[in-house]
């Protein structure tokens, strides 16, 4: 009886993923540079263009990648591979697609977004998030246990660990919103195809519109 029930639940999850797919829009980014910690300012710039963003809880925005500027330690140089990744339900795609061609002011920096590629999320057995923020947990062991509890609530099975430095130590990371928040990088391994999609769609922790808890 229990086995049959689990099978039905898994089928329902598969059907939901097909009927309500999460889409990833990958916008090319043109510009010179950005602050390394630009998640909050990027979200603010996007929200200025589309106020509905503040009311949507089912959307995540990954911070833009770039090359570390050795001369300016707190900035990244944008390259031809720099992308803005936004994950959202398919029905919201037309609204966010309107960012195409728009110029944004991120702090003191100017960027422009190109026409995005539109992709379905792809399953991966291993995923990483460079920073996950779980309010009230700023110490490694307690943080990891809190992350495991969040995975359990999502019915995701995975081996997770904190991303460590080369010497094996884990170091807290910070992200500045209206205040400075502390988090850690997380790697999730041995994910099933369905669990991998759910983790990419749901993420972990808070501030996912500001680049936290987004798994790639």
N, C-alpha and C. Protein backbone atom coordinates (compact mmCIF):
# COMPACT_ATOMS: atom_id res chain seq x y z
N UNK A 1 0.83 -1.20 0.00
CA UNK A 1 0.00 0.00 0.00
C UNK A 1 0.86 1.25 0.00
N UNK A 2 1.85 1.28 0.90
CA UNK A 2 2.74 2.45 0.98
C UNK A 2 3.52 2.63 -0.32
N UNK A 3 3.98 1.50 -0.91
CA UNK A 3 4.75 1.57 -2.15
C UNK A 3 3.89 2.16 -3.26
N UNK A 4 2.62 1.73 -3.35
CA UNK A 4 1.73 2.24 -4.38
C UNK A 4 1.51 3.73 -4.21
N UNK A 5 1.36 4.16 -2.95
CA UNK A 5 1.13 5.57 -2.68
C UNK A 5 2.32 6.41 -3.10
N UNK A 6 3.54 5.95 -2.78
CA UNK A 6 4.74 6.68 -3.18
C UNK A 6 4.81 6.78 -4.69
N UNK A 7 4.47 5.67 -5.40
CA UNK A 7 4.49 5.68 -6.86
C UNK A 7 3.55 6.72 -7.43
N UNK A 8 2.34 6.82 -6.85
CA UNK A 8 1.36 7.80 -7.30
C UNK A 8 1.87 9.22 -7.08
N UNK A 9 2.45 9.45 -5.90
CA UNK A 9 2.98 10.79 -5.59
C UNK A 9 4.07 11.18 -6.57
N UNK A 10 4.96 10.24 -6.91
CA UNK A 10 6.03 10.54 -7.85
C UNK A 10 5.46 10.85 -9.23
N UNK A 11 4.41 10.13 -9.65
CA UNK A 11 3.78 10.41 -10.93
C UNK A 11 3.15 11.80 -10.93
N UNK A 12 2.52 12.15 -9.82
CA UNK A 12 1.90 13.48 -9.73
C UNK A 12 2.94 14.58 -9.82
N UNK A 13 4.12 14.37 -9.18
CA UNK A 13 5.20 15.35 -9.27
C UNK A 13 5.66 15.51 -10.71
N UNK A 14 5.80 14.40 -11.42
CA UNK A 14 6.23 14.45 -12.82
C UNK A 14 5.21 15.21 -13.67
N UNK A 15 3.92 14.94 -13.44
CA UNK A 15 2.86 15.61 -14.21
C UNK A 15 2.88 17.11 -13.95
N UNK A 16 3.05 17.51 -12.67
CA UNK A 16 3.08 18.93 -12.32
C UNK A 16 4.25 19.64 -13.00
N UNK A 17 5.41 18.97 -13.04
CA UNK A 17 6.58 19.57 -13.67
C UNK A 17 6.34 19.78 -15.15
N UNK A 18 5.60 18.86 -15.80
CA UNK A 18 5.32 18.99 -17.23
C UNK A 18 4.28 20.07 -17.48
N UNK A 19 3.21 20.09 -16.63
CA UNK A 19 2.13 21.04 -16.84
C UNK A 19 2.52 22.47 -16.48
N UNK A 20 3.34 22.64 -15.47
CA UNK A 20 3.74 23.97 -15.01
C UNK A 20 5.26 24.10 -15.02
N UNK A 21 5.86 24.06 -16.21
CA UNK A 21 7.32 24.07 -16.26
C UNK A 21 7.91 25.39 -15.78
N UNK A 22 9.04 25.28 -15.11
CA UNK A 22 9.80 26.46 -14.73
C UNK A 22 10.76 26.76 -15.88
N UNK A 23 10.72 27.97 -16.35
CA UNK A 23 11.54 28.40 -17.49
C UNK A 23 12.72 29.22 -16.98
N UNK A 24 13.87 29.05 -17.62
CA UNK A 24 15.02 29.89 -17.31
C UNK A 24 15.29 30.80 -18.51
N UNK A 25 15.22 32.10 -18.27
CA UNK A 25 15.58 33.08 -19.29
C UNK A 25 17.02 33.51 -19.05
N UNK A 26 17.84 33.42 -20.09
CA UNK A 26 19.26 33.78 -19.99
C UNK A 26 19.50 35.02 -20.86
N UNK A 27 19.56 36.17 -20.20
CA UNK A 27 19.76 37.44 -20.91
C UNK A 27 21.26 37.72 -21.08
N UNK A 28 21.73 37.96 -22.30
CA UNK A 28 23.10 38.47 -22.46
C UNK A 28 23.21 39.83 -21.77
N UNK A 29 24.35 40.09 -21.16
CA UNK A 29 24.56 41.35 -20.43
C UNK A 29 25.70 42.11 -21.08
N UNK A 30 25.44 43.35 -21.44
CA UNK A 30 26.46 44.22 -22.03
C UNK A 30 26.77 45.36 -21.09
N UNK A 31 28.04 45.60 -20.90
CA UNK A 31 28.49 46.66 -20.00
C UNK A 31 29.95 46.46 -19.67
N UNK A 32 30.45 47.25 -18.76
CA UNK A 32 31.87 47.20 -18.40
C UNK A 32 32.12 46.37 -17.15
N UNK A 33 31.42 46.69 -16.07
CA UNK A 33 31.71 46.04 -14.79
C UNK A 33 30.51 46.14 -13.86
N UNK A 34 30.59 45.36 -12.77
CA UNK A 34 29.58 45.38 -11.73
C UNK A 34 30.26 45.12 -10.39
N UNK A 35 29.66 45.55 -9.29
CA UNK A 35 30.18 45.12 -7.99
C UNK A 35 30.05 43.61 -7.85
N UNK A 36 30.97 42.97 -7.13
CA UNK A 36 30.84 41.53 -6.89
C UNK A 36 29.51 41.25 -6.19
N UNK A 37 29.21 42.00 -5.16
CA UNK A 37 27.96 41.85 -4.40
C UNK A 37 26.93 42.82 -4.99
N UNK A 38 26.20 42.37 -6.02
CA UNK A 38 25.27 43.28 -6.69
C UNK A 38 23.83 42.76 -6.70
N UNK A 39 23.57 41.67 -5.97
CA UNK A 39 22.25 41.04 -6.03
C UNK A 39 21.10 41.97 -5.66
N UNK A 40 21.23 42.70 -4.56
CA UNK A 40 20.15 43.57 -4.12
C UNK A 40 19.96 44.73 -5.09
N UNK A 41 21.07 45.32 -5.55
CA UNK A 41 20.96 46.45 -6.47
C UNK A 41 20.43 46.03 -7.84
N UNK A 42 20.79 44.81 -8.27
CA UNK A 42 20.25 44.30 -9.53
C UNK A 42 18.74 44.09 -9.42
N UNK A 43 18.31 43.47 -8.33
CA UNK A 43 16.88 43.26 -8.12
C UNK A 43 16.13 44.60 -8.08
N UNK A 44 16.70 45.58 -7.41
CA UNK A 44 16.06 46.89 -7.32
C UNK A 44 15.91 47.52 -8.71
N UNK A 45 16.95 47.37 -9.55
CA UNK A 45 16.90 47.92 -10.91
C UNK A 45 15.84 47.22 -11.75
N UNK A 46 15.73 45.89 -11.60
CA UNK A 46 14.72 45.15 -12.35
C UNK A 46 13.31 45.47 -11.85
N UNK A 47 13.17 45.60 -10.55
CA UNK A 47 11.87 45.93 -9.97
C UNK A 47 11.39 47.31 -10.42
N UNK A 48 12.32 48.22 -10.64
CA UNK A 48 11.97 49.56 -11.13
C UNK A 48 11.32 49.47 -12.51
N UNK A 49 11.76 48.46 -13.31
CA UNK A 49 11.20 48.27 -14.65
C UNK A 49 9.91 47.46 -14.62
N UNK A 50 9.76 46.59 -13.60
CA UNK A 50 8.59 45.70 -13.52
C UNK A 50 8.21 45.53 -12.06
N UNK A 51 7.27 46.35 -11.60
CA UNK A 51 6.94 46.39 -10.18
C UNK A 51 6.33 45.08 -9.67
N UNK A 52 5.76 44.25 -10.57
CA UNK A 52 5.17 42.99 -10.13
C UNK A 52 6.19 42.07 -9.47
N UNK A 53 7.47 42.27 -9.76
CA UNK A 53 8.51 41.40 -9.20
C UNK A 53 8.42 41.30 -7.68
N UNK A 54 8.08 42.39 -7.04
CA UNK A 54 8.06 42.38 -5.56
C UNK A 54 6.95 41.49 -5.01
N UNK A 55 5.93 41.20 -5.81
CA UNK A 55 4.81 40.38 -5.34
C UNK A 55 4.95 38.91 -5.73
N UNK A 56 5.93 38.58 -6.57
CA UNK A 56 6.10 37.20 -7.04
C UNK A 56 7.07 36.45 -6.14
N UNK A 57 6.59 35.38 -5.52
CA UNK A 57 7.45 34.56 -4.67
C UNK A 57 7.99 33.33 -5.39
N UNK A 58 7.57 33.13 -6.64
CA UNK A 58 7.97 31.93 -7.38
C UNK A 58 8.98 32.26 -8.49
N UNK A 59 9.85 33.21 -8.21
CA UNK A 59 10.84 33.64 -9.19
C UNK A 59 12.20 33.74 -8.50
N UNK A 60 13.25 33.37 -9.20
CA UNK A 60 14.60 33.53 -8.65
C UNK A 60 15.48 34.21 -9.70
N UNK A 61 16.44 34.98 -9.21
CA UNK A 61 17.32 35.76 -10.07
C UNK A 61 18.76 35.49 -9.65
N UNK A 62 19.54 34.94 -10.56
CA UNK A 62 20.94 34.66 -10.25
C UNK A 62 21.80 35.89 -10.54
N UNK A 63 22.75 36.17 -9.67
CA UNK A 63 23.64 37.29 -9.92
C UNK A 63 24.46 37.03 -11.19
N UNK A 64 24.92 38.10 -11.81
CA UNK A 64 25.60 38.03 -13.09
C UNK A 64 27.07 37.64 -12.89
N UNK A 65 27.52 36.70 -13.68
CA UNK A 65 28.92 36.26 -13.57
C UNK A 65 29.84 37.16 -14.38
N UNK A 66 31.09 37.16 -14.02
CA UNK A 66 32.09 37.95 -14.73
C UNK A 66 33.48 37.55 -14.28
N UNK A 67 34.45 38.32 -14.69
CA UNK A 67 35.85 38.05 -14.37
C UNK A 67 36.30 39.00 -13.26
N UNK A 68 36.92 38.44 -12.22
CA UNK A 68 37.37 39.26 -11.11
C UNK A 68 38.34 40.33 -11.59
N UNK A 69 38.06 41.58 -11.25
CA UNK A 69 38.93 42.70 -11.61
C UNK A 69 40.05 42.79 -10.57
N UNK A 70 41.26 42.45 -10.97
CA UNK A 70 42.40 42.44 -10.04
C UNK A 70 42.74 43.84 -9.55
N UNK A 71 42.41 44.85 -10.33
CA UNK A 71 42.72 46.22 -9.92
C UNK A 71 41.66 46.80 -8.98
N UNK A 72 40.44 46.25 -9.09
CA UNK A 72 39.35 46.70 -8.23
C UNK A 72 38.77 45.46 -7.56
N UNK A 73 39.25 45.16 -6.37
CA UNK A 73 38.96 43.90 -5.71
C UNK A 73 37.48 43.64 -5.46
N UNK A 74 36.66 44.67 -5.47
CA UNK A 74 35.25 44.49 -5.18
C UNK A 74 34.38 44.54 -6.44
N UNK A 75 35.01 44.41 -7.61
CA UNK A 75 34.26 44.47 -8.85
C UNK A 75 34.59 43.28 -9.76
N UNK A 76 33.66 42.99 -10.67
CA UNK A 76 33.91 42.01 -11.72
C UNK A 76 33.83 42.71 -13.07
N UNK A 77 34.63 42.25 -14.01
CA UNK A 77 34.54 42.72 -15.39
C UNK A 77 33.53 41.85 -16.13
N UNK A 78 32.64 42.46 -16.87
CA UNK A 78 31.68 41.71 -17.66
C UNK A 78 32.36 41.22 -18.94
N UNK A 79 31.98 40.02 -19.38
CA UNK A 79 32.56 39.42 -20.59
C UNK A 79 31.44 39.07 -21.55
N UNK A 80 31.80 38.52 -22.72
CA UNK A 80 30.78 38.13 -23.68
C UNK A 80 30.01 36.90 -23.22
N UNK A 81 30.44 36.30 -22.10
CA UNK A 81 29.73 35.14 -21.54
C UNK A 81 28.88 35.52 -20.33
N UNK A 82 28.88 36.78 -19.95
CA UNK A 82 28.10 37.22 -18.79
C UNK A 82 26.60 37.14 -19.12
N UNK A 83 25.85 36.50 -18.22
CA UNK A 83 24.42 36.31 -18.41
C UNK A 83 23.66 36.67 -17.15
N UNK A 84 22.44 37.13 -17.34
CA UNK A 84 21.49 37.28 -16.25
C UNK A 84 20.50 36.13 -16.36
N UNK A 85 20.45 35.26 -15.35
CA UNK A 85 19.55 34.12 -15.37
C UNK A 85 18.35 34.39 -14.46
N UNK A 86 17.17 34.27 -15.02
CA UNK A 86 15.93 34.45 -14.26
C UNK A 86 15.08 33.21 -14.44
N UNK A 87 14.70 32.57 -13.33
CA UNK A 87 13.84 31.39 -13.37
C UNK A 87 12.45 31.76 -12.90
N UNK A 88 11.44 31.28 -13.63
CA UNK A 88 10.08 31.70 -13.34
C UNK A 88 9.09 30.75 -13.99
N UNK A 89 7.84 30.72 -13.50
CA UNK A 89 6.82 29.88 -14.14
C UNK A 89 6.56 30.36 -15.56
N UNK A 90 6.18 29.44 -16.41
CA UNK A 90 6.04 29.76 -17.84
C UNK A 90 5.04 30.88 -18.10
N UNK A 91 3.99 30.98 -17.27
CA UNK A 91 2.98 32.01 -17.53
C UNK A 91 3.49 33.43 -17.28
N UNK A 92 4.60 33.56 -16.57
CA UNK A 92 5.15 34.89 -16.30
C UNK A 92 6.23 35.30 -17.32
N UNK A 93 6.59 34.39 -18.20
CA UNK A 93 7.66 34.67 -19.17
C UNK A 93 7.40 35.94 -19.98
N UNK A 94 6.18 36.16 -20.53
CA UNK A 94 5.98 37.37 -21.34
C UNK A 94 6.28 38.67 -20.60
N UNK A 95 6.01 38.71 -19.30
CA UNK A 95 6.27 39.92 -18.53
C UNK A 95 7.77 40.18 -18.42
N UNK A 96 8.53 39.13 -18.05
CA UNK A 96 9.97 39.29 -17.83
C UNK A 96 10.74 39.39 -19.14
N UNK A 97 10.20 38.79 -20.20
CA UNK A 97 10.83 38.89 -21.52
C UNK A 97 10.95 40.36 -21.96
N UNK A 98 10.09 41.20 -21.39
CA UNK A 98 10.09 42.63 -21.74
C UNK A 98 11.37 43.34 -21.30
N UNK A 99 12.22 42.67 -20.48
CA UNK A 99 13.51 43.27 -20.12
C UNK A 99 14.46 43.33 -21.31
N UNK A 100 14.15 42.62 -22.39
CA UNK A 100 15.02 42.60 -23.57
C UNK A 100 15.29 44.01 -24.07
N UNK A 101 16.58 44.31 -24.26
CA UNK A 101 16.97 45.61 -24.78
C UNK A 101 16.96 46.74 -23.78
N UNK A 102 16.56 46.46 -22.54
CA UNK A 102 16.47 47.51 -21.53
C UNK A 102 17.84 47.82 -20.93
N UNK A 103 18.03 49.08 -20.61
CA UNK A 103 19.23 49.52 -19.87
C UNK A 103 18.89 49.57 -18.39
N UNK A 104 19.84 49.15 -17.56
CA UNK A 104 19.66 49.13 -16.12
C UNK A 104 20.78 49.89 -15.44
N UNK A 105 20.45 50.57 -14.36
CA UNK A 105 21.45 51.21 -13.52
C UNK A 105 21.57 50.39 -12.24
N UNK A 106 22.71 49.73 -12.07
CA UNK A 106 22.96 48.87 -10.91
C UNK A 106 23.99 49.58 -10.04
N UNK A 107 23.50 50.27 -9.00
CA UNK A 107 24.40 51.13 -8.23
C UNK A 107 24.87 52.26 -9.13
N UNK A 108 26.17 52.35 -9.35
CA UNK A 108 26.75 53.38 -10.22
C UNK A 108 27.07 52.82 -11.61
N UNK A 109 26.70 51.57 -11.85
CA UNK A 109 27.09 50.89 -13.08
C UNK A 109 25.91 50.80 -14.04
N UNK A 110 26.22 50.96 -15.33
CA UNK A 110 25.21 50.86 -16.38
C UNK A 110 25.40 49.55 -17.16
N UNK A 111 24.30 48.81 -17.37
CA UNK A 111 24.35 47.62 -18.19
C UNK A 111 23.13 47.62 -19.12
N UNK A 112 23.20 46.79 -20.15
CA UNK A 112 22.05 46.62 -21.04
C UNK A 112 21.83 45.13 -21.27
N UNK A 113 20.58 44.73 -21.31
CA UNK A 113 20.22 43.33 -21.49
C UNK A 113 19.85 43.06 -22.95
N UNK A 114 20.34 41.92 -23.47
CA UNK A 114 20.01 41.52 -24.83
C UNK A 114 18.77 40.64 -24.86
N UNK A 115 18.52 40.04 -25.99
CA UNK A 115 17.38 39.13 -26.15
C UNK A 115 17.74 37.79 -25.52
N UNK A 116 16.91 37.28 -24.61
CA UNK A 116 17.29 36.08 -23.85
C UNK A 116 17.06 34.77 -24.60
N UNK A 117 17.86 33.78 -24.24
CA UNK A 117 17.55 32.39 -24.60
C UNK A 117 16.52 31.90 -23.58
N UNK A 118 15.61 31.06 -24.04
CA UNK A 118 14.58 30.52 -23.15
C UNK A 118 14.76 29.01 -23.08
N UNK A 119 15.02 28.50 -21.88
CA UNK A 119 15.34 27.08 -21.72
C UNK A 119 14.52 26.45 -20.60
N UNK A 120 14.25 25.15 -20.75
CA UNK A 120 13.71 24.37 -19.65
C UNK A 120 14.87 23.98 -18.74
N UNK A 121 14.58 23.84 -17.45
CA UNK A 121 15.61 23.38 -16.52
C UNK A 121 16.00 21.95 -16.86
N UNK A 122 17.29 21.66 -16.77
CA UNK A 122 17.81 20.34 -17.10
C UNK A 122 18.27 19.62 -15.82
N UNK A 123 17.96 18.34 -15.69
CA UNK A 123 18.38 17.62 -14.48
C UNK A 123 19.88 17.43 -14.41
N UNK A 124 20.43 17.59 -13.24
CA UNK A 124 21.85 17.36 -12.97
C UNK A 124 21.96 16.63 -11.64
N UNK A 125 22.87 15.67 -11.56
CA UNK A 125 23.02 14.93 -10.30
C UNK A 125 23.76 15.76 -9.25
N UNK A 126 24.49 16.80 -9.69
CA UNK A 126 25.19 17.67 -8.75
C UNK A 126 24.88 19.12 -9.06
N UNK A 127 24.55 19.88 -8.03
CA UNK A 127 24.23 21.29 -8.18
C UNK A 127 24.92 22.09 -7.07
N UNK A 128 25.17 23.35 -7.36
CA UNK A 128 25.81 24.24 -6.38
C UNK A 128 25.11 25.58 -6.31
N UNK A 129 25.12 26.16 -5.13
CA UNK A 129 24.72 27.55 -4.95
C UNK A 129 25.86 28.26 -4.24
N UNK A 130 26.31 29.38 -4.80
CA UNK A 130 27.50 30.04 -4.23
C UNK A 130 27.22 30.65 -2.87
N UNK A 131 25.94 30.97 -2.60
CA UNK A 131 25.57 31.42 -1.25
C UNK A 131 24.10 31.13 -0.98
N UNK A 132 23.85 30.52 0.17
CA UNK A 132 22.49 30.27 0.67
C UNK A 132 22.38 30.99 2.00
N UNK A 133 21.28 31.70 2.18
CA UNK A 133 21.05 32.44 3.43
C UNK A 133 19.83 31.87 4.13
N UNK A 134 20.02 31.41 5.36
CA UNK A 134 18.91 30.92 6.19
C UNK A 134 18.93 31.74 7.48
N UNK A 135 17.93 32.56 7.63
CA UNK A 135 17.92 33.50 8.75
C UNK A 135 18.03 32.78 10.10
N UNK A 136 18.92 33.29 10.94
CA UNK A 136 19.10 32.71 12.27
C UNK A 136 20.19 31.67 12.34
N UNK A 137 20.82 31.35 11.20
CA UNK A 137 21.87 30.32 11.18
C UNK A 137 23.13 30.89 10.52
N UNK A 138 24.10 31.22 11.34
CA UNK A 138 25.34 31.81 10.84
C UNK A 138 26.57 30.98 11.22
N UNK A 139 26.34 29.80 11.79
CA UNK A 139 27.41 28.90 12.20
C UNK A 139 27.30 27.63 11.35
N UNK A 140 28.43 27.09 10.85
CA UNK A 140 28.39 26.02 9.85
C UNK A 140 27.51 24.82 10.18
N UNK A 141 27.68 24.23 11.36
CA UNK A 141 26.94 23.01 11.68
C UNK A 141 25.44 23.24 11.78
N UNK A 142 25.06 24.29 12.48
CA UNK A 142 23.63 24.60 12.59
C UNK A 142 23.02 24.96 11.25
N UNK A 143 23.79 25.67 10.44
CA UNK A 143 23.33 26.05 9.11
C UNK A 143 23.08 24.82 8.25
N UNK A 144 24.01 23.87 8.25
CA UNK A 144 23.88 22.67 7.44
C UNK A 144 22.66 21.86 7.85
N UNK A 145 22.41 21.76 9.16
CA UNK A 145 21.23 21.02 9.63
C UNK A 145 19.95 21.72 9.20
N UNK A 146 19.95 23.05 9.23
CA UNK A 146 18.77 23.80 8.79
C UNK A 146 18.52 23.60 7.30
N UNK A 147 19.59 23.55 6.51
CA UNK A 147 19.46 23.31 5.07
C UNK A 147 18.89 21.92 4.80
N UNK A 148 19.33 20.93 5.59
CA UNK A 148 18.81 19.56 5.43
C UNK A 148 17.32 19.51 5.74
N UNK A 149 16.89 20.26 6.74
CA UNK A 149 15.46 20.28 7.08
C UNK A 149 14.64 20.90 5.95
N UNK A 150 15.20 21.92 5.31
CA UNK A 150 14.49 22.51 4.18
C UNK A 150 14.36 21.53 3.02
N UNK A 151 15.42 20.75 2.77
CA UNK A 151 15.35 19.71 1.73
C UNK A 151 14.29 18.68 2.06
N UNK A 152 14.21 18.29 3.32
CA UNK A 152 13.21 17.31 3.74
C UNK A 152 11.79 17.83 3.49
N UNK A 153 11.57 19.13 3.77
CA UNK A 153 10.24 19.70 3.54
C UNK A 153 9.88 19.71 2.06
N UNK A 154 10.90 19.77 1.21
CA UNK A 154 10.67 19.72 -0.24
C UNK A 154 10.66 18.29 -0.76
N UNK A 155 10.84 17.31 0.14
CA UNK A 155 10.92 15.89 -0.23
C UNK A 155 12.05 15.61 -1.21
N UNK A 156 13.15 16.33 -1.03
CA UNK A 156 14.33 16.15 -1.88
C UNK A 156 15.35 15.31 -1.12
N UNK A 157 15.84 14.27 -1.79
CA UNK A 157 16.90 13.44 -1.22
C UNK A 157 18.22 13.81 -1.90
N UNK A 158 19.21 14.17 -1.09
CA UNK A 158 20.51 14.56 -1.64
C UNK A 158 21.56 14.52 -0.55
N UNK A 159 22.80 14.31 -0.94
CA UNK A 159 23.93 14.50 -0.04
C UNK A 159 24.37 15.95 -0.20
N UNK A 160 24.33 16.70 0.89
CA UNK A 160 24.74 18.10 0.78
C UNK A 160 25.92 18.38 1.70
N UNK A 161 26.71 19.33 1.28
CA UNK A 161 27.85 19.75 2.08
C UNK A 161 28.10 21.23 1.82
N UNK A 162 28.79 21.86 2.78
CA UNK A 162 29.18 23.25 2.59
C UNK A 162 30.38 23.31 1.66
N UNK A 163 30.39 24.28 0.78
CA UNK A 163 31.51 24.45 -0.13
C UNK A 163 32.70 24.98 0.67
N UNK A 164 33.80 24.26 0.59
CA UNK A 164 34.98 24.58 1.40
C UNK A 164 36.08 25.23 0.56
N UNK A 165 37.00 25.87 1.24
CA UNK A 165 38.19 26.40 0.57
C UNK A 165 39.16 25.26 0.29
N UNK A 166 40.25 25.57 -0.40
CA UNK A 166 41.22 24.55 -0.76
C UNK A 166 41.82 23.85 0.45
N UNK A 167 41.91 24.56 1.59
CA UNK A 167 42.47 23.94 2.78
C UNK A 167 41.43 23.14 3.57
N UNK A 168 40.22 23.04 3.03
CA UNK A 168 39.18 22.23 3.67
C UNK A 168 38.31 22.97 4.67
N UNK A 169 38.61 24.22 4.94
CA UNK A 169 37.82 24.99 5.90
C UNK A 169 36.64 25.67 5.20
N UNK A 170 35.55 25.85 5.93
CA UNK A 170 34.39 26.57 5.40
C UNK A 170 34.39 27.98 5.97
N UNK A 171 34.12 28.93 5.11
CA UNK A 171 34.12 30.32 5.53
C UNK A 171 32.76 30.94 5.22
N UNK A 172 32.17 31.63 6.20
CA UNK A 172 30.89 32.30 5.92
C UNK A 172 31.05 33.32 4.80
N UNK A 173 29.98 33.50 4.03
CA UNK A 173 29.94 34.53 3.01
C UNK A 173 28.90 35.57 3.41
N UNK A 174 29.04 36.75 2.91
CA UNK A 174 28.07 37.80 3.25
C UNK A 174 27.46 38.38 1.98
N UNK A 175 26.24 38.84 2.12
CA UNK A 175 25.56 39.55 1.04
C UNK A 175 24.86 40.75 1.66
N UNK A 176 25.00 41.89 1.01
CA UNK A 176 24.42 43.11 1.56
C UNK A 176 23.07 43.38 0.92
N UNK A 177 22.05 43.39 1.75
CA UNK A 177 20.71 43.75 1.29
C UNK A 177 20.45 45.12 1.91
N UNK A 178 19.46 45.25 2.76
CA UNK A 178 19.37 46.49 3.54
C UNK A 178 20.26 46.39 4.76
N UNK A 179 20.59 45.15 5.11
CA UNK A 179 21.59 44.88 6.13
C UNK A 179 22.49 43.78 5.59
N UNK A 180 23.56 43.48 6.29
CA UNK A 180 24.46 42.42 5.84
C UNK A 180 23.99 41.08 6.38
N UNK A 181 23.79 40.12 5.47
CA UNK A 181 23.35 38.78 5.83
C UNK A 181 24.50 37.79 5.65
N UNK A 182 24.51 36.76 6.47
CA UNK A 182 25.57 35.75 6.44
C UNK A 182 25.01 34.44 5.89
N UNK A 183 25.79 33.79 5.03
CA UNK A 183 25.37 32.50 4.49
C UNK A 183 26.58 31.65 4.15
N UNK A 184 26.32 30.53 3.48
CA UNK A 184 27.37 29.60 3.07
C UNK A 184 27.06 29.07 1.68
N UNK A 185 28.10 28.67 0.96
CA UNK A 185 27.91 27.96 -0.29
C UNK A 185 27.54 26.52 -0.02
N UNK A 186 26.65 25.96 -0.85
CA UNK A 186 26.19 24.58 -0.67
C UNK A 186 26.33 23.81 -1.98
N UNK A 187 26.80 22.56 -1.84
CA UNK A 187 26.82 21.63 -2.96
C UNK A 187 25.90 20.46 -2.64
N UNK A 188 25.03 20.13 -3.60
CA UNK A 188 24.11 18.99 -3.44
C UNK A 188 24.49 17.91 -4.44
N UNK A 189 24.66 16.68 -3.96
CA UNK A 189 25.07 15.56 -4.81
C UNK A 189 24.04 14.43 -4.76
N UNK A 190 24.15 13.51 -5.75
CA UNK A 190 23.30 12.30 -5.83
C UNK A 190 21.82 12.66 -5.93
N UNK A 191 21.52 13.66 -6.72
CA UNK A 191 20.14 14.08 -6.93
C UNK A 191 19.49 13.23 -8.03
N UNK A 192 18.24 12.85 -7.81
CA UNK A 192 17.48 12.22 -8.88
C UNK A 192 17.09 13.30 -9.89
N UNK A 193 16.58 12.88 -11.05
CA UNK A 193 16.20 13.86 -12.07
C UNK A 193 15.10 14.79 -11.57
N UNK A 194 14.09 14.20 -10.93
CA UNK A 194 12.97 15.02 -10.43
C UNK A 194 13.44 15.94 -9.31
N UNK A 195 14.21 15.41 -8.36
CA UNK A 195 14.68 16.24 -7.25
C UNK A 195 15.59 17.36 -7.73
N UNK A 196 16.38 17.09 -8.76
CA UNK A 196 17.25 18.11 -9.32
C UNK A 196 16.45 19.28 -9.87
N UNK A 197 15.38 18.98 -10.58
CA UNK A 197 14.53 20.04 -11.14
C UNK A 197 13.85 20.82 -10.02
N UNK A 198 13.36 20.11 -9.01
CA UNK A 198 12.68 20.79 -7.90
C UNK A 198 13.65 21.73 -7.17
N UNK A 199 14.89 21.28 -6.94
CA UNK A 199 15.85 22.12 -6.24
C UNK A 199 16.20 23.36 -7.06
N UNK A 200 16.34 23.20 -8.37
CA UNK A 200 16.61 24.37 -9.22
C UNK A 200 15.42 25.33 -9.23
N UNK A 201 14.23 24.77 -9.17
CA UNK A 201 13.02 25.60 -9.22
C UNK A 201 12.76 26.30 -7.89
N UNK A 202 12.89 25.56 -6.78
CA UNK A 202 12.51 26.09 -5.47
C UNK A 202 13.67 26.78 -4.75
N UNK A 203 14.91 26.27 -4.96
CA UNK A 203 16.05 26.82 -4.25
C UNK A 203 15.98 26.54 -2.75
N UNK A 204 16.92 27.14 -2.02
CA UNK A 204 16.94 27.02 -0.56
C UNK A 204 17.14 28.39 0.06
N UNK A 205 16.60 28.54 1.28
CA UNK A 205 16.81 29.78 2.01
C UNK A 205 16.03 30.95 1.42
N UNK A 206 16.43 32.14 1.84
CA UNK A 206 15.74 33.35 1.42
C UNK A 206 16.53 34.18 0.42
N UNK A 207 15.95 35.33 0.06
CA UNK A 207 16.56 36.32 -0.84
C UNK A 207 16.92 35.73 -2.20
N UNK A 208 16.05 34.87 -2.73
CA UNK A 208 16.34 34.24 -4.02
C UNK A 208 16.18 35.20 -5.19
N UNK A 209 15.49 36.32 -4.99
CA UNK A 209 15.43 37.33 -6.05
C UNK A 209 16.71 38.16 -6.08
N UNK A 210 17.57 37.94 -5.10
CA UNK A 210 18.80 38.72 -4.99
C UNK A 210 20.03 37.84 -5.14
N UNK A 211 19.85 36.66 -5.74
CA UNK A 211 20.97 35.80 -6.07
C UNK A 211 21.31 34.73 -5.06
N UNK A 212 20.59 34.69 -3.93
CA UNK A 212 20.90 33.70 -2.89
C UNK A 212 20.06 32.44 -3.10
N UNK A 213 20.66 31.26 -2.79
CA UNK A 213 19.92 30.03 -2.83
C UNK A 213 19.53 29.54 -4.20
N UNK A 214 20.18 30.06 -5.26
CA UNK A 214 19.90 29.65 -6.64
C UNK A 214 20.94 28.60 -7.04
N UNK A 215 20.46 27.42 -7.44
CA UNK A 215 21.38 26.30 -7.71
C UNK A 215 21.61 26.12 -9.21
N UNK A 216 22.88 25.95 -9.57
CA UNK A 216 23.28 25.73 -10.97
C UNK A 216 24.27 24.58 -11.02
